[in-house]
Amino acid sequence: MDLIEEQIRQRSAVKNREVIIDGQKVKWAYRSELVGRHDLDKNHRNTWMAYLIIILIGFGAFVTVKSQVVMGRRQEMDAREALRKELQLSGDDRKKVAVV
């Protein structure tokens, strides 16, 4: 029943506008009313949804790649630190160790 009542309310909100021009009755409506009534903006909505999906996929790919880079750097740093501890380096000698 709620759906039927909602449809009745929507139809009653649509006003019949009429103008008499040279004795002839002309019905008219605002463009936004016609667009809303006939779902003419559906293609635009689909376009924006496609943009949204592309942006979300791009953002997800960026986050994935960035996190992989950070984790790779962290692993390299841990490997260098383990090598330094193994060789018991200190001071300026620590800076000379690098994993290639």
C-alpha atoms as a PDB file:
ATOM      1  CA  MET A   1       0.000   0.000   0.000  1.00  0.00           C
ATOM      2  CA  ASP A   2       2.863   2.363   0.688  1.00  0.00           C
ATOM      3  CA  LEU A   3       4.073   2.083  -2.899  1.00  0.00           C
ATOM      4  CA  ILE A   4       0.628   2.892  -4.267  1.00  0.00           C
ATOM      5  CA  GLU A   5       0.284   5.867  -1.934  1.00  0.00           C
ATOM      6  CA  GLU A   6       3.726   7.092  -2.970  1.00  0.00           C
ATOM      7  CA  GLN A   7       2.788   6.877  -6.662  1.00  0.00           C
ATOM      8  CA  ILE A   8      -0.448   8.770  -5.997  1.00  0.00           C
ATOM      9  CA  ARG A   9       1.508  11.489  -4.187  1.00  0.00           C
ATOM     10  CA  GLN A  10       4.000  11.747  -7.040  1.00  0.00           C
ATOM     11  CA  ARG A  11       1.263  12.021  -9.655  1.00  0.00           C
ATOM     12  CA  SER A  12      -0.588  14.643  -7.665  1.00  0.00           C
ATOM     13  CA  ALA A  13       2.627  16.647  -7.410  1.00  0.00           C
ATOM     14  CA  VAL A  14       2.717  16.887 -11.215  1.00  0.00           C
ATOM     15  CA  LYS A  15       0.830  19.997 -12.134  1.00  0.00           C
ATOM     16  CA  ASN A  16      -1.015  20.351 -15.386  1.00  0.00           C
ATOM     17  CA  ARG A  17       0.009  23.691 -16.726  1.00  0.00           C
ATOM     18  CA  GLU A  18      -2.062  25.153 -19.495  1.00  0.00           C
ATOM     19  CA  VAL A  19      -1.833  28.367 -21.446  1.00  0.00           C
ATOM     20  CA  ILE A  20      -4.369  29.686 -23.907  1.00  0.00           C
ATOM     21  CA  ILE A  21      -2.688  31.047 -27.025  1.00  0.00           C
ATOM     22  CA  ASP A  22      -4.921  32.423 -29.779  1.00  0.00           C
ATOM     23  CA  GLY A  23      -7.884  30.537 -28.375  1.00  0.00           C
ATOM     24  CA  GLN A  24      -6.021  27.229 -28.349  1.00  0.00           C
ATOM     25  CA  LYS A  25      -5.211  25.480 -25.087  1.00  0.00           C
ATOM     26  CA  VAL A  26      -1.525  24.475 -24.890  1.00  0.00           C
ATOM     27  CA  LYS A  27      -0.225  22.191 -22.150  1.00  0.00           C
ATOM     28  CA  TRP A  28       3.345  22.637 -20.985  1.00  0.00           C
ATOM     29  CA  ALA A  29       5.743  21.477 -18.287  1.00  0.00           C
ATOM     30  CA  TYR A  30       9.141  22.434 -16.989  1.00  0.00           C
ATOM     31  CA  ARG A  31      12.077  20.566 -18.476  1.00  0.00           C
ATOM     32  CA  SER A  32      13.122  19.177 -15.084  1.00  0.00           C
ATOM     33  CA  GLU A  33       9.658  17.673 -14.611  1.00  0.00           C
ATOM     34  CA  LEU A  34       9.814  15.920 -17.987  1.00  0.00           C
ATOM     35  CA  VAL A  35      13.340  14.661 -17.330  1.00  0.00           C
ATOM     36  CA  GLY A  36      12.320  13.282 -13.951  1.00  0.00           C
ATOM     37  CA  ARG A  37       9.080  11.757 -15.183  1.00  0.00           C
ATOM     38  CA  HIS A  38      10.613   9.948 -18.161  1.00  0.00           C
ATOM     39  CA  ASP A  39      14.034   9.079 -16.638  1.00  0.00           C
ATOM     40  CA  LEU A  40      15.847  10.988 -19.367  1.00  0.00           C
ATOM     41  CA  ASP A  41      18.859  11.503 -17.114  1.00  0.00           C
ATOM     42  CA  LYS A  42      19.486   7.760 -16.866  1.00  0.00           C
ATOM     43  CA  ASN A  43      22.337   7.851 -19.426  1.00  0.00           C
ATOM     44  CA  HIS A  44      24.036  10.638 -17.484  1.00  0.00           C
ATOM     45  CA  ARG A  45      23.648   8.672 -14.284  1.00  0.00           C
ATOM     46  CA  ASN A  46      25.252   5.645 -15.940  1.00  0.00           C
ATOM     47  CA  THR A  47      28.137   7.798 -17.168  1.00  0.00           C
ATOM     48  CA  TRP A  48      28.811   9.158 -13.678  1.00  0.00           C
ATOM     49  CA  MET A  49      28.580   5.657 -12.216  1.00  0.00           C
ATOM     50  CA  ALA A  50      31.185   4.498 -14.757  1.00  0.00           C
ATOM     51  CA  TYR A  51      33.457   7.385 -13.724  1.00  0.00           C
ATOM     52  CA  LEU A  52      32.977   6.436 -10.079  1.00  0.00           C
ATOM     53  CA  ILE A  53      33.884   2.806 -10.757  1.00  0.00           C
ATOM     54  CA  ILE A  54      36.991   3.820 -12.729  1.00  0.00           C
ATOM     55  CA  ILE A  55      38.096   6.164  -9.927  1.00  0.00           C
ATOM     56  CA  LEU A  56      37.574   3.493  -7.274  1.00  0.00           C
ATOM     57  CA  ILE A  57      39.543   0.914  -9.274  1.00  0.00           C
ATOM     58  CA  GLY A  58      42.356   3.425  -9.834  1.00  0.00           C
ATOM     59  CA  PHE A  59      42.457   4.351  -6.155  1.00  0.00           C
ATOM     60  CA  GLY A  60      42.515   0.686  -5.166  1.00  0.00           C
ATOM     61  CA  ALA A  61      45.385   0.013  -7.582  1.00  0.00           C
ATOM     62  CA  PHE A  62      47.304   3.011  -6.224  1.00  0.00           C
ATOM     63  CA  VAL A  63      46.885   1.856  -2.630  1.00  0.00           C
ATOM     64  CA  THR A  64      47.977  -1.677  -3.537  1.00  0.00           C
ATOM     65  CA  VAL A  65      51.102  -0.566  -5.409  1.00  0.00           C
ATOM     66  CA  LYS A  66      52.035   2.015  -2.780  1.00  0.00           C
ATOM     67  CA  SER A  67      51.702  -0.500   0.052  1.00  0.00           C
ATOM     68  CA  GLN A  68      53.840  -3.011  -1.885  1.00  0.00           C
ATOM     69  CA  VAL A  69      56.553  -0.381  -2.370  1.00  0.00           C
ATOM     70  CA  VAL A  70      56.517   0.536   1.321  1.00  0.00           C
ATOM     71  CA  MET A  71      56.624  -3.117   2.385  1.00  0.00           C
ATOM     72  CA  GLY A  72      59.505  -3.779  -0.042  1.00  0.00           C
ATOM     73  CA  ARG A  73      61.484  -0.874   1.394  1.00  0.00           C
ATOM     74  CA  ARG A  74      60.783  -2.067   4.914  1.00  0.00           C
ATOM     75  CA  GLN A  75      62.022  -5.578   4.063  1.00  0.00           C
ATOM     76  CA  GLU A  76      65.185  -4.135   2.524  1.00  0.00           C
ATOM     77  CA  MET A  77      65.743  -2.023   5.631  1.00  0.00           C
ATOM     78  CA  ASP A  78      65.263  -5.062   7.878  1.00  0.00           C
ATOM     79  CA  ALA A  79      67.738  -7.048   5.750  1.00  0.00           C
ATOM     80  CA  ARG A  80      70.340  -4.265   6.023  1.00  0.00           C
ATOM     81  CA  GLU A  81      69.782  -4.019   9.775  1.00  0.00           C
ATOM     82  CA  ALA A  82      70.203  -7.794  10.173  1.00  0.00           C
ATOM     83  CA  LEU A  83      73.446  -7.645   8.168  1.00  0.00           C
ATOM     84  CA  ARG A  84      74.722  -4.802  10.344  1.00  0.00           C
ATOM     85  CA  LYS A  85      73.930  -6.742  13.510  1.00  0.00           C
ATOM     86  CA  GLU A  86      75.559  -9.854  12.092  1.00  0.00           C
ATOM     87  CA  LEU A  87      78.733  -7.937  11.229  1.00  0.00           C
ATOM     88  CA  GLN A  88      78.494  -5.936  14.491  1.00  0.00           C
ATOM     89  CA  LEU A  89      79.039  -2.615  12.751  1.00  0.00           C
ATOM     90  CA  SER A  90      78.732   0.742  14.483  1.00  0.00           C
ATOM     91  CA  GLY A  91      79.184   4.413  13.674  1.00  0.00           C
ATOM     92  CA  ASP A  92      80.182   5.334  10.136  1.00  0.00           C
ATOM     93  CA  ASP A  93      80.735   1.691   9.204  1.00  0.00           C
ATOM     94  CA  ARG A  94      76.967   1.110   9.479  1.00  0.00           C
ATOM     95  CA  LYS A  95      76.339   3.491   6.577  1.00  0.00           C
ATOM     96  CA  LYS A  96      78.600   1.534   4.239  1.00  0.00           C
ATOM     97  CA  VAL A  97      76.415  -1.593   4.331  1.00  0.00           C
ATOM     98  CA  ALA A  98      73.783  -1.901   1.626  1.00  0.00           C
ATOM     99  CA  VAL A  99      71.879  -4.845   0.226  1.00  0.00           C
ATOM    100  CA  VAL A 100      72.231  -5.028  -3.535  1.00  0.00           C
END
